[in-house]
């Protein structure tokens, strides 16, 4: 099943560029949220996000939810 994924920059001392799934708690706290698209997995969303933001990573909370 596909899901909606977002790119966001986490605010704080270390600004992390992360890919989040829809409904992530940390997504509400992040700044500069952008809709990436609809994908079948978090890995596919990360591949797409890295085309524009090569240093982005997967949100750890979203990764744990998808296991």
C-alpha atoms as a PDB file:
ATOM      1  CA  UNK A   1       0.000   0.000   0.000  1.00  0.00           C
ATOM      2  CA  UNK A   2       1.329   3.439  -0.843  1.00  0.00           C
ATOM      3  CA  UNK A   3       1.697   6.326   1.563  1.00  0.00           C
ATOM      4  CA  UNK A   4       2.379  10.047   1.510  1.00  0.00           C
ATOM      5  CA  UNK A   5       5.876  11.225   2.376  1.00  0.00           C
ATOM      6  CA  UNK A   6       7.334  14.587   3.313  1.00  0.00           C
ATOM      7  CA  UNK A   7      10.737  16.251   3.463  1.00  0.00           C
ATOM      8  CA  UNK A   8      11.403  18.478   6.481  1.00  0.00           C
ATOM      9  CA  UNK A   9      14.269  20.110   8.334  1.00  0.00           C
ATOM     10  CA  UNK A  10      14.255  19.414  12.060  1.00  0.00           C
ATOM     11  CA  UNK A  11      14.838  22.557  14.074  1.00  0.00           C
ATOM     12  CA  UNK A  12      17.427  22.702  16.795  1.00  0.00           C
ATOM     13  CA  UNK A  13      21.146  22.784  17.343  1.00  0.00           C
ATOM     14  CA  UNK A  14      21.761  20.186  14.668  1.00  0.00           C
ATOM     15  CA  UNK A  15      19.415  20.815  11.755  1.00  0.00           C
ATOM     16  CA  UNK A  16      18.629  17.412  10.270  1.00  0.00           C
ATOM     17  CA  UNK A  17      17.068  17.000   6.843  1.00  0.00           C
ATOM     18  CA  UNK A  18      14.661  14.075   7.152  1.00  0.00           C
ATOM     19  CA  UNK A  19      12.042  12.157   5.188  1.00  0.00           C
ATOM     20  CA  UNK A  20       8.835  11.546   7.174  1.00  0.00           C
ATOM     21  CA  UNK A  21       5.681   9.539   6.567  1.00  0.00           C
ATOM     22  CA  UNK A  22       2.266  11.171   6.884  1.00  0.00           C
ATOM     23  CA  UNK A  23       1.131  11.453  10.489  1.00  0.00           C
ATOM     24  CA  UNK A  24       4.617  11.484  12.032  1.00  0.00           C
ATOM     25  CA  UNK A  25       4.728  13.321  15.370  1.00  0.00           C
ATOM     26  CA  UNK A  26       8.110  14.843  14.569  1.00  0.00           C
ATOM     27  CA  UNK A  27       6.791  16.229  11.287  1.00  0.00           C
ATOM     28  CA  UNK A  28       4.583  18.666  13.216  1.00  0.00           C
ATOM     29  CA  UNK A  29       7.656  20.035  15.039  1.00  0.00           C
ATOM     30  CA  UNK A  30       9.813  20.347  11.923  1.00  0.00           C
ATOM     31  CA  UNK A  31      10.153  23.405   9.734  1.00  0.00           C
ATOM     32  CA  UNK A  32      10.124  23.796   5.971  1.00  0.00           C
ATOM     33  CA  UNK A  33       7.850  20.819   5.326  1.00  0.00           C
ATOM     34  CA  UNK A  34       7.460  19.831   1.658  1.00  0.00           C
ATOM     35  CA  UNK A  35       5.354  17.084   0.148  1.00  0.00           C
ATOM     36  CA  UNK A  36       7.606  14.663  -1.759  1.00  0.00           C
ATOM     37  CA  UNK A  37       4.951  12.403  -3.192  1.00  0.00           C
ATOM     38  CA  UNK A  38       3.204   9.062  -2.803  1.00  0.00           C
ATOM     39  CA  UNK A  39       5.459   6.001  -2.624  1.00  0.00           C
ATOM     40  CA  UNK A  40       5.218   2.336  -1.720  1.00  0.00           C
ATOM     41  CA  UNK A  41       8.061   2.491   0.801  1.00  0.00           C
ATOM     42  CA  UNK A  42      10.091   4.905   2.875  1.00  0.00           C
ATOM     43  CA  UNK A  43      13.194   3.826   0.976  1.00  0.00           C
ATOM     44  CA  UNK A  44      11.675   4.933  -2.343  1.00  0.00           C
ATOM     45  CA  UNK A  45      10.695   8.272  -0.821  1.00  0.00           C
ATOM     46  CA  UNK A  46      14.270   8.734   0.421  1.00  0.00           C
ATOM     47  CA  UNK A  47      15.670   8.025  -3.044  1.00  0.00           C
ATOM     48  CA  UNK A  48      13.400  10.677  -4.519  1.00  0.00           C
ATOM     49  CA  UNK A  49      14.222  13.231  -1.801  1.00  0.00           C
ATOM     50  CA  UNK A  50      17.954  12.708  -2.283  1.00  0.00           C
ATOM     51  CA  UNK A  51      17.700  13.952  -5.857  1.00  0.00           C
ATOM     52  CA  UNK A  52      17.236  17.477  -4.461  1.00  0.00           C
ATOM     53  CA  UNK A  53      18.596  17.061  -0.931  1.00  0.00           C
ATOM     54  CA  UNK A  54      21.554  14.619  -1.028  1.00  0.00           C
ATOM     55  CA  UNK A  55      22.218  14.809   2.731  1.00  0.00           C
ATOM     56  CA  UNK A  56      18.731  13.865   3.934  1.00  0.00           C
ATOM     57  CA  UNK A  57      18.087  10.787   6.064  1.00  0.00           C
ATOM     58  CA  UNK A  58      15.087   8.712   7.149  1.00  0.00           C
ATOM     59  CA  UNK A  59      13.245   9.754  10.295  1.00  0.00           C
ATOM     60  CA  UNK A  60      14.006   7.110  12.927  1.00  0.00           C
ATOM     61  CA  UNK A  61      10.446   7.140  14.277  1.00  0.00           C
ATOM     62  CA  UNK A  62       9.004   6.539  10.789  1.00  0.00           C
ATOM     63  CA  UNK A  63      11.518   3.768  10.134  1.00  0.00           C
ATOM     64  CA  UNK A  64      10.480   2.008  13.349  1.00  0.00           C
ATOM     65  CA  UNK A  65       6.792   2.274  12.412  1.00  0.00           C
ATOM     66  CA  UNK A  66       7.361   0.662   9.017  1.00  0.00           C
ATOM     67  CA  UNK A  67       9.077  -2.443  10.373  1.00  0.00           C
END
